[in-house]
C-alpha atoms as a PDB file:
ATOM      1  CA  MET A   1      -1.999 128.310  62.488  1.00  0.00           C
ATOM      2  CA  ILE A   2       0.438 130.563  60.778  1.00  0.00           C
ATOM      3  CA  LYS A   3       3.403 131.891  62.083  1.00  0.00           C
ATOM      4  CA  LEU A   4       4.101 135.635  61.300  1.00  0.00           C
ATOM      5  CA  VAL A   5       6.831 137.894  62.116  1.00  0.00           C
ATOM      6  CA  SER A   6       6.370 141.683  62.045  1.00  0.00           C
ATOM      7  CA  GLY A   7       8.331 144.904  61.609  1.00  0.00           C
ATOM      8  CA  GLU A   8       8.140 145.702  58.004  1.00  0.00           C
ATOM      9  CA  LYS A   9       6.043 148.509  56.481  1.00  0.00           C
ATOM     10  CA  HIS A  10       5.528 146.036  53.137  1.00  0.00           C
ATOM     11  CA  ARG A  11       4.953 142.598  52.741  1.00  0.00           C
ATOM     12  CA  ARG A  12       7.630 140.614  51.726  1.00  0.00           C
ATOM     13  CA  LEU A  13       8.787 136.805  52.568  1.00  0.00           C
ATOM     14  CA  SER A  14      12.575 135.805  53.706  1.00  0.00           C
ATOM     15  CA  SER A  15      14.392 132.763  55.194  1.00  0.00           C
ATOM     16  CA  PHE A  16      16.256 132.305  57.886  1.00  0.00           C
ATOM     17  CA  ALA A  17      19.928 130.822  57.273  1.00  0.00           C
ATOM     18  CA  SER A  18      21.118 127.237  57.142  1.00  0.00           C
ATOM     19  CA  LYS A  19      18.738 125.596  54.558  1.00  0.00           C
ATOM     20  CA  ALA A  20      16.081 128.309  54.520  1.00  0.00           C
ATOM     21  CA  PHE A  21      13.280 125.934  55.727  1.00  0.00           C
ATOM     22  CA  PHE A  22      11.603 128.237  57.987  1.00  0.00           C
ATOM     23  CA  GLN A  23      10.336 131.564  56.062  1.00  0.00           C
ATOM     24  CA  THR A  24       9.303 134.546  57.987  1.00  0.00           C
ATOM     25  CA  ILE A  25       6.056 136.640  56.634  1.00  0.00           C
ATOM     26  CA  LEU A  26       6.741 140.167  57.314  1.00  0.00           C
ATOM     27  CA  ILE A  27       3.191 141.914  56.929  1.00  0.00           C
ATOM     28  CA  GLU A  28       1.610 145.683  58.015  1.00  0.00           C
ATOM     29  CA  LYS A  29      -0.569 145.798  60.481  1.00  0.00           C
ATOM     30  CA  PRO A  30      -1.601 142.318  60.924  1.00  0.00           C
ATOM     31  CA  ASN A  31      -5.154 141.728  61.923  1.00  0.00           C
ATOM     32  CA  LEU A  32      -4.793 138.852  64.515  1.00  0.00           C
ATOM     33  CA  SER A  33      -8.295 138.351  65.110  1.00  0.00           C
ATOM     34  CA  HIS A  34      -8.618 135.425  62.719  1.00  0.00           C
ATOM     35  CA  TYR A  35      -5.598 133.404  63.222  1.00  0.00           C
ATOM     36  CA  SER A  36      -5.637 131.384  65.796  1.00  0.00           C
ATOM     37  CA  ASN A  37      -1.888 130.814  68.062  1.00  0.00           C
ATOM     38  CA  VAL A  38      -0.135 133.211  66.144  1.00  0.00           C
ATOM     39  CA  ARG A  39       3.204 133.686  67.278  1.00  0.00           C
ATOM     40  CA  TYR A  40       5.693 137.100  66.767  1.00  0.00           C
ATOM     41  CA  PHE A  41       9.155 136.442  66.396  1.00  0.00           C
ATOM     42  CA  ASN A  42      11.958 139.218  67.175  1.00  0.00           C
ATOM     43  CA  ASN A  43      13.175 139.918  63.692  1.00  0.00           C
ATOM     44  CA  SER A  44      16.352 141.183  64.699  1.00  0.00           C
ATOM     45  CA  THR A  45      17.473 138.582  66.864  1.00  0.00           C
ATOM     46  CA  ASN A  46      15.876 135.282  65.147  1.00  0.00           C
ATOM     47  CA  ASP A  47      15.225 133.819  68.751  1.00  0.00           C
ATOM     48  CA  ARG A  48      12.069 132.079  69.185  1.00  0.00           C
ATOM     49  CA  SER A  49      12.852 132.485  72.939  1.00  0.00           C
ATOM     50  CA  ALA A  50      11.443 136.192  72.483  1.00  0.00           C
ATOM     51  CA  SER A  51       7.844 135.238  70.740  1.00  0.00           C
ATOM     52  CA  ALA A  52       4.718 135.946  72.582  1.00  0.00           C
ATOM     53  CA  THR A  53       2.134 133.456  71.912  1.00  0.00           C
ATOM     54  CA  VAL A  54      -1.248 135.473  71.109  1.00  0.00           C
ATOM     55  CA  PRO A  55      -4.409 134.285  73.201  1.00  0.00           C
ATOM     56  CA  ASP A  56      -5.675 131.250  71.942  1.00  0.00           C
ATOM     57  CA  LEU A  57      -8.471 131.886  69.570  1.00  0.00           C
ATOM     58  CA  SER A  58      -8.794 128.066  68.216  1.00  0.00           C
ATOM     59  CA  ASN A  59     -12.695 128.438  69.279  1.00  0.00           C
ATOM     60  CA  SER A  60     -13.656 130.610  66.855  1.00  0.00           C
ATOM     61  CA  GLN A  61     -13.604 130.347  63.278  1.00  0.00           C
ATOM     62  CA  ARG A  62      -9.988 130.265  61.592  1.00  0.00           C
ATOM     63  CA  GLU A  63      -8.971 129.751  57.984  1.00  0.00           C
ATOM     64  CA  LYS A  64      -7.754 126.516  57.773  1.00  0.00           C
ATOM     65  CA  PHE A  65      -4.986 124.750  55.336  1.00  0.00           C
ATOM     66  CA  MET A  66      -5.837 121.552  53.278  1.00  0.00           C
ATOM     67  CA  ILE A  67      -3.835 119.165  50.853  1.00  0.00           C
ATOM     68  CA  ILE A  68      -5.259 117.055  48.578  1.00  0.00           C
ATOM     69  CA  LEU A  69      -3.360 114.077  47.087  1.00  0.00           C
ATOM     70  CA  GLY A  70      -3.381 111.737  44.238  1.00  0.00           C
ATOM     71  CA  LYS A  71      -1.981 109.978  41.502  1.00  0.00           C
ATOM     72  CA  PRO A  72      -1.670 111.393  37.949  1.00  0.00           C
ATOM     73  CA  GLY A  73      -4.855 110.814  35.832  1.00  0.00           C
ATOM     74  CA  GLY A  74      -6.823 109.700  39.097  1.00  0.00           C
ATOM     75  CA  GLY A  75      -9.434 112.575  39.173  1.00  0.00           C
ATOM     76  CA  LYS A  76      -7.252 114.407  41.388  1.00  0.00           C
ATOM     77  CA  GLY A  77      -8.378 117.690  39.367  1.00  0.00           C
ATOM     78  CA  THR A  78     -12.628 116.664  39.036  1.00  0.00           C
ATOM     79  CA  ILE A  79     -12.308 115.851  42.830  1.00  0.00           C
ATOM     80  CA  SER A  80     -10.811 119.832  43.415  1.00  0.00           C
ATOM     81  CA  SER A  81     -13.980 121.284  41.466  1.00  0.00           C
ATOM     82  CA  LYS A  82     -16.603 119.584  42.915  1.00  0.00           C
ATOM     83  CA  ILE A  83     -15.206 121.039  46.442  1.00  0.00           C
ATOM     84  CA  LEU A  84     -14.770 124.431  45.191  1.00  0.00           C
ATOM     85  CA  ASN A  85     -18.335 124.255  43.725  1.00  0.00           C
ATOM     86  CA  ASP A  86     -19.795 122.724  47.391  1.00  0.00           C
ATOM     87  CA  PHE A  87     -17.185 125.079  49.657  1.00  0.00           C
ATOM     88  CA  PRO A  88     -17.189 128.584  47.846  1.00  0.00           C
ATOM     89  CA  ASN A  89     -14.617 129.672  51.108  1.00  0.00           C
ATOM     90  CA  ILE A  90     -12.270 127.178  50.066  1.00  0.00           C
ATOM     91  CA  LYS A  91      -9.561 128.592  47.313  1.00  0.00           C
ATOM     92  CA  HIS A  92      -7.907 126.197  45.152  1.00  0.00           C
ATOM     93  CA  TYR A  93      -3.764 126.758  44.936  1.00  0.00           C
ATOM     94  CA  SER A  94      -1.756 124.730  41.978  1.00  0.00           C
ATOM     95  CA  THR A  95       1.612 125.648  43.075  1.00  0.00           C
ATOM     96  CA  GLY A  96       2.453 124.975  39.347  1.00  0.00           C
ATOM     97  CA  ASP A  97       0.211 127.586  37.777  1.00  0.00           C
ATOM     98  CA  SER A  98       1.237 130.135  40.266  1.00  0.00           C
ATOM     99  CA  LEU A  99       4.517 129.537  39.486  1.00  0.00           C
ATOM    100  CA  ARG A 100       3.845 130.250  35.831  1.00  0.00           C
ATOM    101  CA  GLN A 101       2.031 133.015  36.516  1.00  0.00           C
ATOM    102  CA  HIS A 102       4.932 134.536  39.061  1.00  0.00           C
ATOM    103  CA  VAL A 103       7.210 134.091  35.973  1.00  0.00           C
ATOM    104  CA  ARG A 104       4.821 135.892  33.492  1.00  0.00           C
ATOM    105  CA  LYS A 105       4.232 138.686  35.586  1.00  0.00           C
ATOM    106  CA  GLU A 106       8.179 139.075  36.413  1.00  0.00           C
ATOM    107  CA  SER A 107       7.693 139.464  40.222  1.00  0.00           C
ATOM    108  CA  GLU A 108      10.397 139.081  42.316  1.00  0.00           C
ATOM    109  CA  ILE A 109       9.713 135.411  42.826  1.00  0.00           C
ATOM    110  CA  GLY A 110       8.775 134.959  39.287  1.00  0.00           C
ATOM    111  CA  LYS A 111      12.605 136.021  38.086  1.00  0.00           C
ATOM    112  CA  GLU A 112      14.501 134.328  40.529  1.00  0.00           C
ATOM    113  CA  ALA A 113      12.435 130.587  39.722  1.00  0.00           C
ATOM    114  CA  LYS A 114      12.973 131.185  35.997  1.00  0.00           C
ATOM    115  CA  LYS A 115      16.977 131.329  36.348  1.00  0.00           C
ATOM    116  CA  TYR A 116      16.358 127.625  37.410  1.00  0.00           C
ATOM    117  CA  MET A 117      13.550 126.896  35.155  1.00  0.00           C
ATOM    118  CA  ASP A 118      15.934 128.189  31.841  1.00  0.00           C
ATOM    119  CA  GLU A 119      18.442 125.894  33.260  1.00  0.00           C
ATOM    120  CA  GLY A 120      16.343 123.207  33.568  1.00  0.00           C
ATOM    121  CA  ASP A 121      17.003 122.695  37.190  1.00  0.00           C
ATOM    122  CA  LEU A 122      13.929 121.914  39.907  1.00  0.00           C
ATOM    123  CA  VAL A 123      13.149 125.087  41.428  1.00  0.00           C
ATOM    124  CA  PRO A 124      14.810 125.063  45.082  1.00  0.00           C
ATOM    125  CA  ASN A 125      12.101 123.893  48.197  1.00  0.00           C
ATOM    126  CA  ASP A 126      12.710 127.459  49.843  1.00  0.00           C
ATOM    127  CA  LEU A 127      12.013 129.559  46.549  1.00  0.00           C
ATOM    128  CA  ILE A 128       8.436 127.496  46.301  1.00  0.00           C
ATOM    129  CA  ILE A 129       7.808 127.629  50.117  1.00  0.00           C
ATOM    130  CA  ARG A 130       8.359 131.786  49.529  1.00  0.00           C
ATOM    131  CA  LEU A 131       5.684 131.400  46.654  1.00  0.00           C
ATOM    132  CA  VAL A 132       3.281 129.296  48.432  1.00  0.00           C
ATOM    133  CA  MET A 133       3.359 131.430  51.460  1.00  0.00           C
ATOM    134  CA  GLU A 134       3.303 134.711  49.852  1.00  0.00           C
ATOM    135  CA  ASP A 135       0.122 133.565  47.905  1.00  0.00           C
ATOM    136  CA  ALA A 136      -1.652 131.609  50.671  1.00  0.00           C
ATOM    137  CA  MET A 137      -1.457 135.219  52.744  1.00  0.00           C
ATOM    138  CA  GLU A 138      -3.519 137.001  50.262  1.00  0.00           C
ATOM    139  CA  ALA A 139      -6.345 134.020  50.223  1.00  0.00           C
ATOM    140  CA  MET A 140      -6.050 134.279  53.945  1.00  0.00           C
ATOM    141  CA  ASP A 141      -6.428 137.913  53.850  1.00  0.00           C
ATOM    142  CA  GLU A 142     -10.107 137.409  51.987  1.00  0.00           C
ATOM    143  CA  GLY A 143     -11.105 134.645  54.457  1.00  0.00           C
ATOM    144  CA  LYS A 144     -10.244 132.096  52.323  1.00  0.00           C
ATOM    145  CA  ASN A 145      -9.604 128.330  53.726  1.00  0.00           C
ATOM    146  CA  LEU A 146      -6.659 127.292  51.057  1.00  0.00           C
ATOM    147  CA  LEU A 147      -6.531 123.599  49.302  1.00  0.00           C
ATOM    148  CA  LEU A 148      -3.288 122.929  47.999  1.00  0.00           C
ATOM    149  CA  ASP A 149      -2.406 120.884  44.759  1.00  0.00           C
ATOM    150  CA  GLY A 150       1.025 119.621  43.961  1.00  0.00           C
ATOM    151  CA  PHE A 151       2.745 120.741  46.946  1.00  0.00           C
ATOM    152  CA  PRO A 152       4.433 119.182  49.197  1.00  0.00           C
ATOM    153  CA  ARG A 153       5.674 116.437  47.060  1.00  0.00           C
ATOM    154  CA  THR A 154       8.594 115.298  48.635  1.00  0.00           C
ATOM    155  CA  LEU A 155       9.018 114.784  52.797  1.00  0.00           C
ATOM    156  CA  GLU A 156      11.986 117.792  52.490  1.00  0.00           C
ATOM    157  CA  GLN A 157       9.238 119.956  51.223  1.00  0.00           C
ATOM    158  CA  ALA A 158       6.405 118.897  53.924  1.00  0.00           C
ATOM    159  CA  ALA A 159       8.742 119.408  56.844  1.00  0.00           C
ATOM    160  CA  ALA A 160       9.485 123.054  54.957  1.00  0.00           C
ATOM    161  CA  LEU A 161       5.974 123.338  54.765  1.00  0.00           C
ATOM    162  CA  ASP A 162       5.565 122.378  58.812  1.00  0.00           C
ATOM    163  CA  GLU A 163       7.999 125.039  59.743  1.00  0.00           C
ATOM    164  CA  ASN A 164       5.340 127.645  58.575  1.00  0.00           C
ATOM    165  CA  VAL A 165       1.602 126.444  59.332  1.00  0.00           C
ATOM    166  CA  ASP A 166      -0.010 123.662  60.490  1.00  0.00           C
ATOM    167  CA  ILE A 167      -1.817 121.507  57.876  1.00  0.00           C
ATOM    168  CA  ASP A 168      -5.425 121.173  58.723  1.00  0.00           C
ATOM    169  CA  MET A 169      -6.888 118.189  56.437  1.00  0.00           C
ATOM    170  CA  VAL A 170      -5.184 116.246  53.572  1.00  0.00           C
ATOM    171  CA  VAL A 171      -7.374 114.430  51.159  1.00  0.00           C
ATOM    172  CA  ASP A 172      -5.997 111.414  49.837  1.00  0.00           C
ATOM    173  CA  LEU A 173      -6.827 110.107  46.843  1.00  0.00           C
ATOM    174  CA  ASN A 174      -6.135 106.189  46.378  1.00  0.00           C
ATOM    175  CA  ILE A 175      -6.923 105.234  43.175  1.00  0.00           C
ATOM    176  CA  PRO A 176      -6.254 101.775  41.725  1.00  0.00           C
ATOM    177  CA  THR A 177      -3.269 102.004  39.376  1.00  0.00           C
ATOM    178  CA  GLU A 178      -4.682  99.609  36.873  1.00  0.00           C
ATOM    179  CA  THR A 179      -7.906 101.868  36.772  1.00  0.00           C
ATOM    180  CA  ILE A 180      -5.704 104.662  35.846  1.00  0.00           C
ATOM    181  CA  VAL A 181      -3.604 102.919  33.374  1.00  0.00           C
ATOM    182  CA  GLU A 182      -7.016 101.882  31.176  1.00  0.00           C
ATOM    183  CA  ARG A 183      -8.194 105.087  31.489  1.00  0.00           C
ATOM    184  CA  ILE A 184      -5.191 107.126  30.162  1.00  0.00           C
ATOM    185  CA  ALA A 185      -4.563 103.910  27.432  1.00  0.00           C
ATOM    186  CA  ASP A 186      -7.923 104.438  25.993  1.00  0.00           C
ATOM    187  CA  ARG A 187      -6.701 107.395  25.148  1.00  0.00           C
ATOM    188  CA  TRP A 188      -5.663 108.485  21.698  1.00  0.00           C
ATOM    189  CA  ILE A 189      -5.266 111.917  19.143  1.00  0.00           C
ATOM    190  CA  HIS A 190      -5.517 113.027  15.973  1.00  0.00           C
ATOM    191  CA  PRO A 191      -1.936 115.030  15.571  1.00  0.00           C
ATOM    192  CA  ALA A 192      -2.740 117.517  12.958  1.00  0.00           C
ATOM    193  CA  SER A 193      -6.112 118.754  14.652  1.00  0.00           C
ATOM    194  CA  GLY A 194      -4.955 117.806  18.312  1.00  0.00           C
ATOM    195  CA  ARG A 195      -8.721 116.205  18.748  1.00  0.00           C
ATOM    196  CA  VAL A 196      -8.457 113.808  21.446  1.00  0.00           C
ATOM    197  CA  TYR A 197     -10.365 110.288  21.838  1.00  0.00           C
ATOM    198  CA  ASN A 198     -11.251 108.321  24.602  1.00  0.00           C
ATOM    199  CA  TYR A 199     -12.519 104.822  24.036  1.00  0.00           C
ATOM    200  CA  SER A 200     -14.369 104.350  27.526  1.00  0.00           C
ATOM    201  CA  TYR A 201     -16.161 107.555  26.847  1.00  0.00           C
ATOM    202  CA  ASN A 202     -15.735 109.221  23.804  1.00  0.00           C
ATOM    203  CA  PRO A 203     -14.784 106.712  21.180  1.00  0.00           C
ATOM    204  CA  PRO A 204     -14.236 107.515  17.389  1.00  0.00           C
ATOM    205  CA  ILE A 205     -17.081 106.332  14.949  1.00  0.00           C
ATOM    206  CA  HIS A 206     -14.820 104.176  13.341  1.00  0.00           C
ATOM    207  CA  HIS A 207     -12.063 102.599  15.084  1.00  0.00           C
ATOM    208  CA  GLY A 208      -8.547 104.133  15.223  1.00  0.00           C
ATOM    209  CA  LYS A 209      -9.868 107.184  12.554  1.00  0.00           C
ATOM    210  CA  ASP A 210     -10.488 110.651  13.435  1.00  0.00           C
ATOM    211  CA  ASN A 211     -14.184 111.570  13.196  1.00  0.00           C
ATOM    212  CA  GLU A 212     -13.599 114.464  10.709  1.00  0.00           C
ATOM    213  CA  THR A 213     -10.542 113.601   8.634  1.00  0.00           C
ATOM    214  CA  GLY A 214     -10.923 109.653   8.481  1.00  0.00           C
ATOM    215  CA  GLU A 215      -6.917 109.739   9.422  1.00  0.00           C
ATOM    216  CA  ASP A 216      -5.394 107.660  11.487  1.00  0.00           C
ATOM    217  CA  LEU A 217      -5.228 108.483  15.213  1.00  0.00           C
ATOM    218  CA  ILE A 218      -2.186 108.012  17.473  1.00  0.00           C
ATOM    219  CA  GLN A 219      -1.635 106.990  21.192  1.00  0.00           C
ATOM    220  CA  ARG A 220       1.436 109.477  22.749  1.00  0.00           C
ATOM    221  CA  GLU A 221       4.423 107.959  24.286  1.00  0.00           C
ATOM    222  CA  ASP A 222       3.138 109.345  27.462  1.00  0.00           C
ATOM    223  CA  ASP A 223      -0.236 107.556  27.899  1.00  0.00           C
ATOM    224  CA  LYS A 224       0.995 103.935  26.774  1.00  0.00           C
ATOM    225  CA  PRO A 225       0.434 101.303  29.628  1.00  0.00           C
ATOM    226  CA  GLU A 226       3.874 100.586  30.577  1.00  0.00           C
ATOM    227  CA  THR A 227       4.922 104.205  30.514  1.00  0.00           C
ATOM    228  CA  VAL A 228       1.819 105.054  32.534  1.00  0.00           C
ATOM    229  CA  ARG A 229       2.869 102.310  35.230  1.00  0.00           C
ATOM    230  CA  LYS A 230       6.114 103.484  35.149  1.00  0.00           C
ATOM    231  CA  ARG A 231       5.215 106.882  36.208  1.00  0.00           C
ATOM    232  CA  LEU A 232       2.712 105.696  38.885  1.00  0.00           C
ATOM    233  CA  GLU A 233       4.798 103.464  40.555  1.00  0.00           C
ATOM    234  CA  ALA A 234       7.497 106.290  40.559  1.00  0.00           C
ATOM    235  CA  HIS A 235       4.575 108.512  42.080  1.00  0.00           C
ATOM    236  CA  ASP A 236       3.572 106.222  44.975  1.00  0.00           C
ATOM    237  CA  LYS A 237       7.400 106.151  46.135  1.00  0.00           C
ATOM    238  CA  LEU A 238       7.756 109.567  46.167  1.00  0.00           C
ATOM    239  CA  THR A 239       4.251 110.213  48.160  1.00  0.00           C
ATOM    240  CA  ALA A 240       3.814 106.899  50.343  1.00  0.00           C
ATOM    241  CA  PRO A 241       6.118 109.118  52.815  1.00  0.00           C
ATOM    242  CA  LEU A 242       3.812 111.685  52.738  1.00  0.00           C
ATOM    243  CA  ILE A 243       0.936 109.821  53.290  1.00  0.00           C
ATOM    244  CA  GLU A 244       2.863 108.305  56.247  1.00  0.00           C
ATOM    245  CA  HIS A 245       3.797 111.779  57.824  1.00  0.00           C
ATOM    246  CA  TYR A 246       0.048 113.321  57.823  1.00  0.00           C
ATOM    247  CA  GLY A 247      -1.324 109.854  58.685  1.00  0.00           C
ATOM    248  CA  LYS A 248       0.841 109.897  61.775  1.00  0.00           C
ATOM    249  CA  LYS A 249      -0.278 113.793  62.242  1.00  0.00           C
ATOM    250  CA  GLY A 250      -3.687 112.583  62.566  1.00  0.00           C
ATOM    251  CA  VAL A 251      -4.772 114.659  59.842  1.00  0.00           C
ATOM    252  CA  LEU A 252      -5.022 112.444  56.621  1.00  0.00           C
ATOM    253  CA  LYS A 253      -7.970 110.515  55.233  1.00  0.00           C
ATOM    254  CA  THR A 254      -7.664 108.136  52.745  1.00  0.00           C
ATOM    255  CA  PHE A 255     -10.797 107.591  49.652  1.00  0.00           C
ATOM    256  CA  THR A 256      -9.984 105.015  47.863  1.00  0.00           C
ATOM    257  CA  GLY A 257     -12.293 103.929  44.807  1.00  0.00           C
ATOM    258  CA  THR A 258     -12.639 103.658  40.650  1.00  0.00           C
ATOM    259  CA  MET A 259     -14.771 106.384  40.225  1.00  0.00           C
ATOM    260  CA  SER A 260     -14.678 110.237  41.503  1.00  0.00           C
ATOM    261  CA  ASP A 261     -18.524 110.613  41.727  1.00  0.00           C
ATOM    262  CA  LYS A 262     -18.576 108.090  44.420  1.00  0.00           C
ATOM    263  CA  ILE A 263     -15.698 108.689  45.882  1.00  0.00           C
ATOM    264  CA  TYR A 264     -16.850 112.699  46.129  1.00  0.00           C
ATOM    265  CA  PRO A 265     -19.712 112.530  48.385  1.00  0.00           C
ATOM    266  CA  GLU A 266     -17.784 110.939  51.306  1.00  0.00           C
ATOM    267  CA  VAL A 267     -15.196 113.545  50.612  1.00  0.00           C
ATOM    268  CA  LYS A 268     -17.645 116.281  50.766  1.00  0.00           C
ATOM    269  CA  GLN A 269     -19.051 114.498  54.536  1.00  0.00           C
ATOM    270  CA  TRP A 270     -15.558 114.784  55.523  1.00  0.00           C
ATOM    271  CA  LEU A 271     -14.697 118.620  54.791  1.00  0.00           C
ATOM    272  CA  ASN A 272     -18.181 119.296  56.319  1.00  0.00           C
ATOM    273  CA  GLU A 273     -17.374 117.375  59.502  1.00  0.00           C
ATOM    274  CA  LYS A 274     -14.558 119.273  59.893  1.00  0.00           C
ATOM    275  CA  GLU A 275     -16.653 122.861  59.297  1.00  0.00           C
ATOM    276  CA  CYS A 276     -14.992 123.954  55.827  1.00  0.00           C
END
């Protein structure tokens, strides 16, 4: 379910006062036929008591909001690609990619975000929510289900998102930390050319040497086992509350394994059961 506000001729996003977690979405002549339990709020008073509930359309097909969670290097990109291939009605949405695109296009949101990025600061939650909701509306106008990747990252962001939409499904990829450490630690590069080797599936012909030049390969600092472990530990601490949050809502399913090809069939079956 998505909550909409009418009263403007052009589409935009604005936030209420306070911490600005709830964002209002203003659109021209909204078509309510494919939204379930859409609420209209009085834009002049921001008074929820003035809202009127549209008749329940939950038995009809409606767009779904989904989230995919997983450790860095845990195959989230691979699983997402397989989902998009098998479910053409799902649109993958990366907040990082979208933010960079808005900055390049110098959109209103992009200009605001760039001020923080140029200072080396994190882009505030309310601005990210505006970004997500604006792009989400475009996807829903196309009749697409949305798969959020990279957002929310914290419980605070999840609470902000909850004020705007009902999350239908959360795919939680639980890949053992040591599996990811081994996978990333096997990656070595030739710095001059950027060629990447992996001792698990794409090893160099001669150990530690570039295939074309014979020069030494190096391991990036970020790829060293101790660095990877620290990064994954920090990620686990950050996302554990998210997993608990969505678990309590009854919308999360955890998929455990070490290989994407074995995990994905279970993900696909679950999405089919949810009629994506």
